[in-house]
Amino acid sequence: MVKVVFVRHGQTEWNVSGRYQGQSDVALSAAGVDQAEKLAANFPVAHIDAIYSSDLIRARVTAETVAKRFALEVNLEPAFRELSFGDWEGLTYEQIVASWPDAMKNFLAHPDILNIPHGESFPEVQQRAMSRLQELIQKHEGQTIMIAAHGAVLRTMLTAALHMPLQYLWSIRQFNTAVNIVRYDAEGNPTVELLNSTAHLGELR
């Protein structure tokens, strides 16, 4: 059995302004740093054997904040980077709709077939993330690990754990520093124990 604690990064200024970050390397806001510190102080499991993180700074700093509590190093993993939004990065939803109305028709209804100009598709993101996740599950048999990543890439791994088609990935909420816990048995079969928890922030959502 392997327990994986999936964590979304803390808030950024682009989260507040509604800009699509993708693989743009946007830092945590002051509020995001505070969220990461609260996560570390109120982490939902007592022991972690290893911490992995997207190499983008917002996920890395979130992971490093938790790592300090457990005296661990953070292993950087490009496979857990956010989906590349290509030409849409740095733009708001309204700006994207104005310039790419046909492409955006699929954003909420059919993300599984969404075509982002010069970006990635959700199936591509799921493939790269799940491939690395399966390697880590095999490596850490009998242990608990944490993976710090991003809203879209986390949803692709969680839909896989829930046996959901990618079409419905937006049915899963992922707040900043949300915690999700999935247990994988010896055959790699997942059991979801926690989804989108922000109890560590002491706030009702």
N, C-alpha and C. Protein backbone atom coordinates (compact mmCIF):
# COMPACT_ATOMS: atom_id res chain seq x y z
N MET A 1 0.84 -1.19 0.00
CA MET A 1 0.00 0.00 0.00
C MET A 1 0.88 1.25 0.00
N VAL A 2 0.46 2.25 -0.75
CA VAL A 2 1.12 3.54 -0.78
C VAL A 2 0.05 4.62 -0.59
N LYS A 3 0.31 5.54 0.30
CA LYS A 3 -0.62 6.67 0.49
C LYS A 3 0.00 7.89 -0.16
N VAL A 4 -0.76 8.54 -1.03
CA VAL A 4 -0.29 9.74 -1.72
C VAL A 4 -1.14 10.93 -1.29
N VAL A 5 -0.47 11.95 -0.77
CA VAL A 5 -1.14 13.19 -0.37
C VAL A 5 -0.90 14.20 -1.50
N PHE A 6 -1.93 14.49 -2.25
CA PHE A 6 -1.84 15.46 -3.34
C PHE A 6 -2.22 16.84 -2.81
N VAL A 7 -1.38 17.85 -3.09
CA VAL A 7 -1.61 19.20 -2.58
C VAL A 7 -1.53 20.21 -3.73
N ARG A 8 -2.52 21.07 -3.81
CA ARG A 8 -2.43 22.18 -4.76
C ARG A 8 -1.62 23.31 -4.12
N HIS A 9 -0.93 24.07 -4.94
CA HIS A 9 -0.12 25.19 -4.45
C HIS A 9 -0.97 26.28 -3.82
N GLY A 10 -0.32 27.17 -3.07
CA GLY A 10 -0.99 28.31 -2.47
C GLY A 10 -1.37 29.36 -3.51
N GLN A 11 -2.10 30.35 -3.05
CA GLN A 11 -2.63 31.39 -3.93
C GLN A 11 -1.52 32.23 -4.56
N THR A 12 -1.76 32.65 -5.80
CA THR A 12 -0.89 33.61 -6.49
C THR A 12 -1.73 34.83 -6.87
N GLU A 13 -1.05 35.90 -7.26
CA GLU A 13 -1.78 37.09 -7.71
C GLU A 13 -2.57 36.80 -8.98
N TRP A 14 -2.07 35.88 -9.80
CA TRP A 14 -2.81 35.52 -11.02
C TRP A 14 -4.07 34.73 -10.68
N ASN A 15 -4.05 33.96 -9.61
CA ASN A 15 -5.28 33.31 -9.16
C ASN A 15 -6.33 34.37 -8.82
N VAL A 16 -5.90 35.41 -8.13
CA VAL A 16 -6.82 36.46 -7.71
C VAL A 16 -7.39 37.21 -8.90
N SER A 17 -6.55 37.49 -9.89
CA SER A 17 -7.00 38.26 -11.06
C SER A 17 -7.63 37.38 -12.14
N GLY A 18 -7.65 36.06 -11.93
CA GLY A 18 -8.30 35.17 -12.88
C GLY A 18 -7.51 34.93 -14.15
N ARG A 19 -6.18 35.06 -14.07
CA ARG A 19 -5.35 34.83 -15.25
C ARG A 19 -4.88 33.38 -15.31
N TYR A 20 -4.90 32.85 -16.51
CA TYR A 20 -4.48 31.46 -16.70
C TYR A 20 -2.96 31.38 -16.61
N GLN A 21 -2.47 30.62 -15.62
CA GLN A 21 -1.04 30.58 -15.35
C GLN A 21 -0.32 29.53 -16.19
N GLY A 22 -0.91 28.34 -16.27
CA GLY A 22 -0.25 27.27 -17.00
C GLY A 22 1.16 27.05 -16.49
N GLN A 23 2.13 27.08 -17.40
CA GLN A 23 3.52 26.85 -17.03
C GLN A 23 4.30 28.16 -16.84
N SER A 24 3.59 29.30 -16.82
CA SER A 24 4.23 30.56 -16.44
C SER A 24 4.65 30.45 -14.98
N ASP A 25 5.85 30.91 -14.65
CA ASP A 25 6.39 30.68 -13.31
C ASP A 25 6.01 31.82 -12.37
N VAL A 26 4.78 31.78 -11.89
CA VAL A 26 4.22 32.84 -11.07
C VAL A 26 4.41 32.49 -9.59
N ALA A 27 4.92 33.44 -8.81
CA ALA A 27 5.21 33.19 -7.40
C ALA A 27 3.95 33.24 -6.55
N LEU A 28 4.05 32.69 -5.34
CA LEU A 28 2.96 32.80 -4.38
C LEU A 28 2.76 34.26 -3.96
N SER A 29 1.52 34.62 -3.70
CA SER A 29 1.23 35.91 -3.08
C SER A 29 1.49 35.81 -1.59
N ALA A 30 1.40 36.93 -0.88
CA ALA A 30 1.55 36.90 0.57
C ALA A 30 0.50 35.98 1.20
N ALA A 31 -0.71 36.01 0.66
CA ALA A 31 -1.76 35.12 1.15
C ALA A 31 -1.42 33.67 0.87
N GLY A 32 -0.80 33.41 -0.28
CA GLY A 32 -0.40 32.06 -0.63
C GLY A 32 0.67 31.51 0.29
N VAL A 33 1.61 32.36 0.67
CA VAL A 33 2.65 31.95 1.63
C VAL A 33 2.01 31.61 2.97
N ASP A 34 1.06 32.43 3.39
CA ASP A 34 0.36 32.18 4.65
C ASP A 34 -0.41 30.87 4.59
N GLN A 35 -1.06 30.58 3.46
CA GLN A 35 -1.78 29.31 3.30
C GLN A 35 -0.82 28.12 3.41
N ALA A 36 0.35 28.23 2.78
CA ALA A 36 1.33 27.15 2.83
C ALA A 36 1.82 26.93 4.26
N GLU A 37 2.01 28.00 5.01
CA GLU A 37 2.46 27.89 6.39
C GLU A 37 1.38 27.24 7.27
N LYS A 38 0.12 27.58 7.02
CA LYS A 38 -0.97 26.95 7.76
C LYS A 38 -1.08 25.47 7.41
N LEU A 39 -0.85 25.15 6.15
CA LEU A 39 -0.87 23.75 5.72
C LEU A 39 0.21 22.96 6.46
N ALA A 40 1.42 23.51 6.51
CA ALA A 40 2.51 22.83 7.20
C ALA A 40 2.22 22.64 8.68
N ALA A 41 1.64 23.67 9.29
CA ALA A 41 1.37 23.62 10.73
C ALA A 41 0.24 22.66 11.08
N ASN A 42 -0.67 22.44 10.15
CA ASN A 42 -1.85 21.61 10.40
C ASN A 42 -1.97 20.48 9.38
N PHE A 43 -0.83 19.88 9.04
CA PHE A 43 -0.83 18.87 7.98
C PHE A 43 -1.67 17.66 8.41
N PRO A 44 -2.46 17.08 7.50
CA PRO A 44 -3.43 16.05 7.89
C PRO A 44 -2.86 14.67 8.16
N VAL A 45 -1.59 14.43 7.89
CA VAL A 45 -0.97 13.15 8.24
C VAL A 45 0.25 13.44 9.11
N ALA A 46 0.56 12.49 9.98
CA ALA A 46 1.63 12.71 10.96
C ALA A 46 3.02 12.44 10.42
N HIS A 47 3.11 11.68 9.33
CA HIS A 47 4.42 11.29 8.82
C HIS A 47 4.41 11.25 7.30
N ILE A 48 5.48 11.76 6.70
CA ILE A 48 5.68 11.68 5.25
C ILE A 48 7.08 11.12 5.01
N ASP A 49 7.20 10.21 4.06
CA ASP A 49 8.50 9.62 3.74
C ASP A 49 9.24 10.37 2.63
N ALA A 50 8.49 11.03 1.74
CA ALA A 50 9.14 11.75 0.64
C ALA A 50 8.18 12.79 0.10
N ILE A 51 8.74 13.88 -0.42
CA ILE A 51 7.94 14.96 -1.00
C ILE A 51 8.41 15.22 -2.43
N TYR A 52 7.45 15.26 -3.33
CA TYR A 52 7.70 15.57 -4.74
C TYR A 52 6.89 16.81 -5.11
N SER A 53 7.41 17.56 -6.07
CA SER A 53 6.73 18.80 -6.45
C SER A 53 6.98 19.13 -7.91
N SER A 54 6.00 19.72 -8.53
CA SER A 54 6.22 20.43 -9.78
C SER A 54 7.39 21.38 -9.58
N ASP A 55 8.16 21.60 -10.65
CA ASP A 55 9.31 22.49 -10.53
C ASP A 55 8.95 23.97 -10.67
N LEU A 56 7.68 24.29 -10.87
CA LEU A 56 7.25 25.69 -10.93
C LEU A 56 7.21 26.26 -9.51
N ILE A 57 7.60 27.53 -9.38
CA ILE A 57 7.89 28.10 -8.05
C ILE A 57 6.71 28.08 -7.10
N ARG A 58 5.50 28.25 -7.60
CA ARG A 58 4.35 28.29 -6.70
C ARG A 58 4.12 26.95 -6.02
N ALA A 59 4.34 25.86 -6.75
CA ALA A 59 4.23 24.53 -6.15
C ALA A 59 5.46 24.21 -5.31
N ARG A 60 6.64 24.59 -5.80
CA ARG A 60 7.88 24.27 -5.09
C ARG A 60 7.92 24.93 -3.72
N VAL A 61 7.56 26.22 -3.64
CA VAL A 61 7.59 26.91 -2.35
C VAL A 61 6.55 26.32 -1.40
N THR A 62 5.39 25.95 -1.92
CA THR A 62 4.39 25.29 -1.08
C THR A 62 4.96 23.99 -0.52
N ALA A 63 5.60 23.21 -1.39
CA ALA A 63 6.19 21.94 -0.95
C ALA A 63 7.32 22.16 0.05
N GLU A 64 8.17 23.15 -0.21
CA GLU A 64 9.30 23.42 0.69
C GLU A 64 8.83 23.84 2.07
N THR A 65 7.72 24.56 2.13
CA THR A 65 7.19 24.99 3.42
C THR A 65 6.76 23.79 4.25
N VAL A 66 6.11 22.82 3.61
CA VAL A 66 5.73 21.59 4.30
C VAL A 66 6.97 20.76 4.63
N ALA A 67 7.92 20.72 3.72
CA ALA A 67 9.12 19.90 3.90
C ALA A 67 9.90 20.29 5.14
N LYS A 68 9.88 21.57 5.48
CA LYS A 68 10.62 22.03 6.67
C LYS A 68 10.09 21.36 7.93
N ARG A 69 8.79 21.18 7.99
CA ARG A 69 8.20 20.54 9.18
C ARG A 69 8.69 19.10 9.34
N PHE A 70 8.84 18.41 8.21
CA PHE A 70 9.21 16.99 8.26
C PHE A 70 10.70 16.75 8.02
N ALA A 71 11.48 17.83 7.91
CA ALA A 71 12.93 17.73 7.70
C ALA A 71 13.25 16.89 6.46
N LEU A 72 12.54 17.19 5.37
CA LEU A 72 12.72 16.46 4.12
C LEU A 72 13.19 17.39 3.01
N GLU A 73 13.81 16.81 2.00
CA GLU A 73 14.13 17.54 0.78
C GLU A 73 12.96 17.44 -0.19
N VAL A 74 12.85 18.41 -1.07
CA VAL A 74 11.80 18.38 -2.10
C VAL A 74 12.42 17.90 -3.41
N ASN A 75 11.82 16.86 -3.96
CA ASN A 75 12.25 16.33 -5.26
C ASN A 75 11.42 16.99 -6.35
N LEU A 76 12.08 17.72 -7.25
CA LEU A 76 11.38 18.46 -8.30
C LEU A 76 11.06 17.56 -9.48
N GLU A 77 9.81 17.64 -9.94
CA GLU A 77 9.31 16.76 -10.99
C GLU A 77 8.60 17.57 -12.08
N PRO A 78 9.25 17.79 -13.22
CA PRO A 78 8.58 18.47 -14.33
C PRO A 78 7.31 17.76 -14.80
N ALA A 79 7.21 16.46 -14.55
CA ALA A 79 6.02 15.71 -14.97
C ALA A 79 4.76 16.20 -14.28
N PHE A 80 4.93 16.88 -13.13
CA PHE A 80 3.77 17.37 -12.39
C PHE A 80 3.53 18.86 -12.61
N ARG A 81 4.16 19.42 -13.65
CA ARG A 81 3.86 20.81 -14.01
C ARG A 81 2.40 20.97 -14.42
N GLU A 82 1.94 22.21 -14.33
CA GLU A 82 0.59 22.50 -14.79
C GLU A 82 0.48 22.29 -16.31
N LEU A 83 -0.74 22.07 -16.75
CA LEU A 83 -1.03 22.04 -18.18
C LEU A 83 -0.54 23.32 -18.83
N SER A 84 0.10 23.20 -19.98
CA SER A 84 0.52 24.40 -20.71
C SER A 84 -0.68 25.00 -21.43
N PHE A 85 -0.97 26.25 -21.10
CA PHE A 85 -2.08 26.94 -21.75
C PHE A 85 -1.63 27.69 -22.99
N GLY A 86 -0.42 27.49 -23.44
CA GLY A 86 0.02 28.04 -24.71
C GLY A 86 -0.26 29.52 -24.87
N ASP A 87 -0.97 29.85 -25.92
CA ASP A 87 -1.27 31.26 -26.23
C ASP A 87 -2.21 31.89 -25.21
N TRP A 88 -2.82 31.09 -24.35
CA TRP A 88 -3.78 31.62 -23.39
C TRP A 88 -3.13 32.04 -22.07
N GLU A 89 -1.88 31.73 -21.86
CA GLU A 89 -1.26 32.02 -20.57
C GLU A 89 -1.17 33.53 -20.34
N GLY A 90 -1.53 33.94 -19.14
CA GLY A 90 -1.53 35.34 -18.77
C GLY A 90 -2.83 36.06 -19.11
N LEU A 91 -3.74 35.37 -19.78
CA LEU A 91 -5.01 35.98 -20.17
C LEU A 91 -6.13 35.56 -19.22
N THR A 92 -7.18 36.36 -19.17
CA THR A 92 -8.36 36.01 -18.39
C THR A 92 -9.32 35.21 -19.27
N TYR A 93 -10.31 34.61 -18.64
CA TYR A 93 -11.33 33.85 -19.37
C TYR A 93 -12.01 34.73 -20.42
N GLU A 94 -12.34 35.96 -20.02
CA GLU A 94 -13.03 36.86 -20.95
C GLU A 94 -12.16 37.18 -22.17
N GLN A 95 -10.87 37.39 -21.95
CA GLN A 95 -9.96 37.68 -23.07
C GLN A 95 -9.83 36.49 -24.00
N ILE A 96 -9.81 35.29 -23.43
CA ILE A 96 -9.70 34.09 -24.25
C ILE A 96 -10.96 33.89 -25.07
N VAL A 97 -12.11 34.05 -24.46
CA VAL A 97 -13.38 33.89 -25.18
C VAL A 97 -13.48 34.88 -26.33
N ALA A 98 -13.00 36.10 -26.11
CA ALA A 98 -13.08 37.13 -27.14
C ALA A 98 -12.25 36.77 -28.38
N SER A 99 -11.13 36.11 -28.18
CA SER A 99 -10.23 35.81 -29.30
C SER A 99 -10.37 34.40 -29.84
N TRP A 100 -10.79 33.44 -29.00
CA TRP A 100 -10.91 32.04 -29.42
C TRP A 100 -12.27 31.47 -29.02
N PRO A 101 -13.36 32.06 -29.50
CA PRO A 101 -14.68 31.62 -29.03
C PRO A 101 -14.99 30.16 -29.36
N ASP A 102 -14.54 29.67 -30.50
CA ASP A 102 -14.84 28.29 -30.86
C ASP A 102 -14.09 27.30 -29.97
N ALA A 103 -12.82 27.58 -29.72
CA ALA A 103 -12.02 26.69 -28.88
C ALA A 103 -12.57 26.65 -27.46
N MET A 104 -12.99 27.79 -26.96
CA MET A 104 -13.44 27.87 -25.57
C MET A 104 -14.79 27.20 -25.35
N LYS A 105 -15.50 26.88 -26.43
CA LYS A 105 -16.77 26.16 -26.26
C LYS A 105 -16.56 24.83 -25.54
N ASN A 106 -15.37 24.25 -25.73
CA ASN A 106 -15.10 22.95 -25.12
C ASN A 106 -14.48 23.04 -23.74
N PHE A 107 -14.14 24.24 -23.30
CA PHE A 107 -13.37 24.36 -22.06
C PHE A 107 -14.07 23.71 -20.87
N LEU A 108 -15.33 24.04 -20.66
CA LEU A 108 -16.07 23.48 -19.54
C LEU A 108 -16.82 22.21 -19.91
N ALA A 109 -17.38 22.16 -21.11
CA ALA A 109 -18.20 21.02 -21.49
C ALA A 109 -17.40 19.80 -21.93
N HIS A 110 -16.29 20.03 -22.64
CA HIS A 110 -15.50 18.91 -23.17
C HIS A 110 -14.00 19.19 -23.07
N PRO A 111 -13.47 19.32 -21.84
CA PRO A 111 -12.02 19.54 -21.72
C PRO A 111 -11.21 18.39 -22.29
N ASP A 112 -11.83 17.20 -22.40
CA ASP A 112 -11.12 16.04 -22.93
C ASP A 112 -10.76 16.20 -24.41
N ILE A 113 -11.47 17.08 -25.13
CA ILE A 113 -11.16 17.31 -26.55
C ILE A 113 -10.78 18.76 -26.82
N LEU A 114 -10.52 19.50 -25.74
CA LEU A 114 -10.15 20.91 -25.87
C LEU A 114 -8.84 21.06 -26.65
N ASN A 115 -8.82 21.98 -27.59
CA ASN A 115 -7.62 22.26 -28.38
C ASN A 115 -7.11 23.64 -28.02
N ILE A 116 -6.01 23.69 -27.25
CA ILE A 116 -5.42 24.95 -26.83
C ILE A 116 -4.30 25.32 -27.80
N PRO A 117 -4.37 26.49 -28.45
CA PRO A 117 -3.33 26.85 -29.42
C PRO A 117 -1.95 26.91 -28.78
N HIS A 118 -1.05 26.10 -29.32
CA HIS A 118 0.34 26.00 -28.85
C HIS A 118 0.43 25.53 -27.40
N GLY A 119 -0.61 24.86 -26.92
CA GLY A 119 -0.61 24.33 -25.56
C GLY A 119 -0.74 22.82 -25.55
N GLU A 120 -1.02 22.28 -24.37
CA GLU A 120 -1.20 20.84 -24.20
C GLU A 120 -2.68 20.49 -24.16
N SER A 121 -2.97 19.23 -24.35
CA SER A 121 -4.32 18.72 -24.14
C SER A 121 -4.38 18.06 -22.77
N PHE A 122 -5.58 17.92 -22.24
CA PHE A 122 -5.72 17.25 -20.95
C PHE A 122 -5.30 15.78 -21.00
N PRO A 123 -5.59 15.04 -22.08
CA PRO A 123 -5.08 13.67 -22.14
C PRO A 123 -3.55 13.60 -22.10
N GLU A 124 -2.87 14.56 -22.74
CA GLU A 124 -1.41 14.59 -22.70
C GLU A 124 -0.90 14.83 -21.28
N VAL A 125 -1.55 15.75 -20.59
CA VAL A 125 -1.15 16.05 -19.21
C VAL A 125 -1.38 14.84 -18.31
N GLN A 126 -2.53 14.21 -18.47
CA GLN A 126 -2.82 13.03 -17.66
C GLN A 126 -1.81 11.92 -17.90
N GLN A 127 -1.43 11.73 -19.15
CA GLN A 127 -0.48 10.66 -19.48
C GLN A 127 0.88 10.90 -18.82
N ARG A 128 1.40 12.14 -18.91
CA ARG A 128 2.72 12.40 -18.33
C ARG A 128 2.69 12.34 -16.81
N ALA A 129 1.60 12.83 -16.21
CA ALA A 129 1.51 12.84 -14.75
C ALA A 129 1.31 11.43 -14.21
N MET A 130 0.42 10.66 -14.83
CA MET A 130 0.13 9.32 -14.34
C MET A 130 1.31 8.38 -14.55
N SER A 131 2.06 8.58 -15.62
CA SER A 131 3.23 7.74 -15.86
C SER A 131 4.23 7.90 -14.72
N ARG A 132 4.51 9.14 -14.31
CA ARG A 132 5.45 9.37 -13.22
C ARG A 132 4.85 8.93 -11.89
N LEU A 133 3.56 9.15 -11.69
CA LEU A 133 2.91 8.73 -10.45
C LEU A 133 3.04 7.22 -10.27
N GLN A 134 2.81 6.45 -11.31
CA GLN A 134 2.91 5.00 -11.21
C GLN A 134 4.33 4.57 -10.83
N GLU A 135 5.33 5.26 -11.34
CA GLU A 135 6.71 4.95 -10.96
C GLU A 135 6.94 5.22 -9.47
N LEU A 136 6.39 6.31 -8.97
CA LEU A 136 6.57 6.66 -7.56
C LEU A 136 5.82 5.70 -6.65
N ILE A 137 4.65 5.25 -7.09
CA ILE A 137 3.89 4.27 -6.30
C ILE A 137 4.70 2.98 -6.14
N GLN A 138 5.34 2.55 -7.21
CA GLN A 138 6.16 1.34 -7.13
C GLN A 138 7.40 1.56 -6.26
N LYS A 139 7.96 2.75 -6.33
CA LYS A 139 9.18 3.06 -5.58
C LYS A 139 8.92 3.14 -4.08
N HIS A 140 7.75 3.61 -3.68
CA HIS A 140 7.48 3.92 -2.28
C HIS A 140 6.49 2.94 -1.64
N GLU A 141 6.58 1.68 -1.98
CA GLU A 141 5.71 0.67 -1.38
C GLU A 141 5.77 0.75 0.15
N GLY A 142 4.59 0.81 0.77
CA GLY A 142 4.51 0.85 2.22
C GLY A 142 4.75 2.21 2.83
N GLN A 143 4.83 3.24 2.01
CA GLN A 143 5.16 4.57 2.52
C GLN A 143 4.05 5.58 2.20
N THR A 144 4.24 6.79 2.75
CA THR A 144 3.35 7.92 2.48
C THR A 144 4.17 9.01 1.81
N ILE A 145 3.70 9.50 0.68
CA ILE A 145 4.40 10.57 -0.03
C ILE A 145 3.45 11.72 -0.29
N MET A 146 4.04 12.90 -0.52
CA MET A 146 3.27 14.08 -0.88
C MET A 146 3.67 14.54 -2.26
N ILE A 147 2.69 14.98 -3.04
CA ILE A 147 2.94 15.57 -4.35
C ILE A 147 2.29 16.94 -4.39
N ALA A 148 3.09 17.99 -4.58
CA ALA A 148 2.58 19.35 -4.71
C ALA A 148 2.49 19.70 -6.19
N ALA A 149 1.33 20.14 -6.61
CA ALA A 149 1.15 20.41 -8.05
C ALA A 149 0.12 21.51 -8.25
N HIS A 150 -0.68 21.39 -9.29
CA HIS A 150 -1.53 22.47 -9.77
C HIS A 150 -2.94 21.96 -10.05
N GLY A 151 -3.88 22.90 -10.15
CA GLY A 151 -5.28 22.54 -10.27
C GLY A 151 -5.62 21.59 -11.40
N ALA A 152 -5.16 21.89 -12.60
CA ALA A 152 -5.54 21.06 -13.75
C ALA A 152 -4.86 19.69 -13.72
N VAL A 153 -3.55 19.67 -13.48
CA VAL A 153 -2.84 18.38 -13.48
C VAL A 153 -3.33 17.51 -12.32
N LEU A 154 -3.63 18.11 -11.18
CA LEU A 154 -4.18 17.33 -10.07
C LEU A 154 -5.53 16.73 -10.44
N ARG A 155 -6.36 17.49 -11.12
CA ARG A 155 -7.66 16.96 -11.52
C ARG A 155 -7.50 15.75 -12.45
N THR A 156 -6.49 15.76 -13.32
CA THR A 156 -6.32 14.61 -14.22
C THR A 156 -5.94 13.36 -13.43
N MET A 157 -5.14 13.51 -12.37
CA MET A 157 -4.78 12.35 -11.55
C MET A 157 -5.94 11.91 -10.67
N LEU A 158 -6.73 12.86 -10.19
CA LEU A 158 -7.87 12.51 -9.35
C LEU A 158 -9.00 11.88 -10.15
N THR A 159 -9.21 12.33 -11.38
CA THR A 159 -10.23 11.67 -12.21
C THR A 159 -9.81 10.23 -12.48
N ALA A 160 -8.52 10.00 -12.67
CA ALA A 160 -8.04 8.62 -12.86
C ALA A 160 -8.31 7.79 -11.61
N ALA A 161 -8.06 8.36 -10.43
CA ALA A 161 -8.29 7.63 -9.18
C ALA A 161 -9.77 7.33 -8.97
N LEU A 162 -10.62 8.22 -9.46
CA LEU A 162 -12.07 8.05 -9.31
C LEU A 162 -12.71 7.31 -10.49
N HIS A 163 -11.89 6.90 -11.45
CA HIS A 163 -12.37 6.21 -12.66
C HIS A 163 -13.38 7.07 -13.42
N MET A 164 -13.11 8.38 -13.44
CA MET A 164 -13.98 9.33 -14.14
C MET A 164 -13.40 9.68 -15.51
N PRO A 165 -14.24 9.82 -16.53
CA PRO A 165 -13.75 10.33 -17.80
C PRO A 165 -13.22 11.76 -17.64
N LEU A 166 -12.21 12.10 -18.40
CA LEU A 166 -11.64 13.45 -18.34
C LEU A 166 -12.67 14.53 -18.66
N GLN A 167 -13.71 14.18 -19.37
CA GLN A 167 -14.74 15.15 -19.71
C GLN A 167 -15.31 15.82 -18.45
N TYR A 168 -15.29 15.11 -17.33
CA TYR A 168 -15.93 15.61 -16.12
C TYR A 168 -14.94 16.11 -15.07
N LEU A 169 -13.72 16.44 -15.49
CA LEU A 169 -12.71 16.82 -14.50
C LEU A 169 -13.05 18.09 -13.74
N TRP A 170 -13.85 18.99 -14.36
CA TRP A 170 -14.21 20.22 -13.65
C TRP A 170 -15.24 19.97 -12.55
N SER A 171 -15.71 18.72 -12.42
CA SER A 171 -16.61 18.38 -11.32
C SER A 171 -15.86 18.31 -9.99
N ILE A 172 -14.54 18.31 -10.06
CA ILE A 172 -13.71 18.24 -8.85
C ILE A 172 -13.17 19.63 -8.55
N ARG A 173 -13.49 20.18 -7.37
CA ARG A 173 -12.94 21.47 -6.96
C ARG A 173 -11.54 21.28 -6.42
N GLN A 174 -10.70 22.29 -6.61
CA GLN A 174 -9.35 22.29 -6.05
C GLN A 174 -9.01 23.71 -5.62
N PHE A 175 -9.25 24.01 -4.33
CA PHE A 175 -8.90 25.32 -3.80
C PHE A 175 -7.38 25.41 -3.60
N ASN A 176 -6.89 26.61 -3.38
CA ASN A 176 -5.46 26.77 -3.10
C ASN A 176 -5.09 26.05 -1.80
N THR A 177 -4.03 25.28 -1.84
CA THR A 177 -3.52 24.38 -0.79
C THR A 177 -4.51 23.29 -0.43
N ALA A 178 -5.44 22.98 -1.34
CA ALA A 178 -6.35 21.85 -1.10
C ALA A 178 -5.55 20.56 -0.94
N VAL A 179 -6.01 19.71 -0.01
CA VAL A 179 -5.38 18.42 0.26
C VAL A 179 -6.30 17.30 -0.23
N ASN A 180 -5.71 16.35 -0.93
CA ASN A 180 -6.41 15.16 -1.40
C ASN A 180 -5.56 13.95 -1.01
N ILE A 181 -6.19 12.90 -0.53
CA ILE A 181 -5.44 11.71 -0.14
C ILE A 181 -6.00 10.49 -0.88
N VAL A 182 -5.10 9.76 -1.52
CA VAL A 182 -5.48 8.54 -2.25
C VAL A 182 -4.56 7.41 -1.80
N ARG A 183 -5.15 6.28 -1.46
CA ARG A 183 -4.38 5.09 -1.10
C ARG A 183 -4.38 4.13 -2.28
N TYR A 184 -3.21 3.64 -2.65
CA TYR A 184 -3.05 2.68 -3.74
C TYR A 184 -2.60 1.34 -3.17
N ASP A 185 -3.33 0.26 -3.51
CA ASP A 185 -2.95 -1.05 -3.00
C ASP A 185 -1.82 -1.65 -3.82
N ALA A 186 -1.45 -2.88 -3.52
CA ALA A 186 -0.30 -3.52 -4.16
C ALA A 186 -0.47 -3.64 -5.67
N GLU A 187 -1.70 -3.68 -6.13
CA GLU A 187 -1.97 -3.77 -7.57
C GLU A 187 -2.16 -2.40 -8.20
N GLY A 188 -2.02 -1.35 -7.40
CA GLY A 188 -2.19 0.00 -7.91
C GLY A 188 -3.61 0.49 -7.94
N ASN A 189 -4.53 -0.26 -7.33
CA ASN A 189 -5.93 0.15 -7.30
C ASN A 189 -6.13 1.26 -6.27
N PRO A 190 -6.77 2.36 -6.67
CA PRO A 190 -6.88 3.52 -5.77
C PRO A 190 -8.14 3.50 -4.91
N THR A 191 -7.98 4.02 -3.69
CA THR A 191 -9.11 4.33 -2.82
C THR A 191 -8.96 5.79 -2.40
N VAL A 192 -9.94 6.62 -2.73
CA VAL A 192 -9.87 8.04 -2.40
C VAL A 192 -10.35 8.25 -0.98
N GLU A 193 -9.50 8.85 -0.15
CA GLU A 193 -9.81 9.05 1.26
C GLU A 193 -10.20 10.49 1.59
N LEU A 194 -9.75 11.44 0.78
CA LEU A 194 -10.01 12.86 1.06
C LEU A 194 -9.93 13.64 -0.25
N LEU A 195 -10.83 14.61 -0.40
CA LEU A 195 -10.83 15.46 -1.59
C LEU A 195 -10.97 16.93 -1.21
N ASN A 196 -10.13 17.77 -1.79
CA ASN A 196 -10.26 19.23 -1.71
C ASN A 196 -10.46 19.76 -0.29
N SER A 197 -9.69 19.22 0.66
CA SER A 197 -9.82 19.68 2.04
C SER A 197 -8.96 20.92 2.28
N THR A 198 -9.58 21.94 2.85
CA THR A 198 -8.84 23.12 3.30
C THR A 198 -9.07 23.34 4.79
N ALA A 199 -9.27 22.25 5.53
CA ALA A 199 -9.51 22.34 6.97
C ALA A 199 -8.34 22.99 7.68
N HIS A 200 -7.13 22.84 7.12
CA HIS A 200 -5.94 23.43 7.73
C HIS A 200 -5.98 24.95 7.76
N LEU A 201 -6.81 25.56 6.90
CA LEU A 201 -6.90 27.02 6.85
C LEU A 201 -7.86 27.55 7.91
N GLY A 202 -8.63 26.66 8.52
CA GLY A 202 -9.58 27.09 9.55
C GLY A 202 -10.71 27.92 8.99
N GLU A 203 -11.04 27.69 7.69
CA GLU A 203 -12.09 28.47 7.03
C GLU A 203 -13.17 27.55 6.50
N LEU A 204 -14.40 28.00 6.56
CA LEU A 204 -15.50 27.27 5.95
C LEU A 204 -15.64 27.71 4.51
N ARG A 205 -15.79 26.73 3.60
CA ARG A 205 -15.92 27.04 2.19
C ARG A 205 -17.36 26.83 1.73
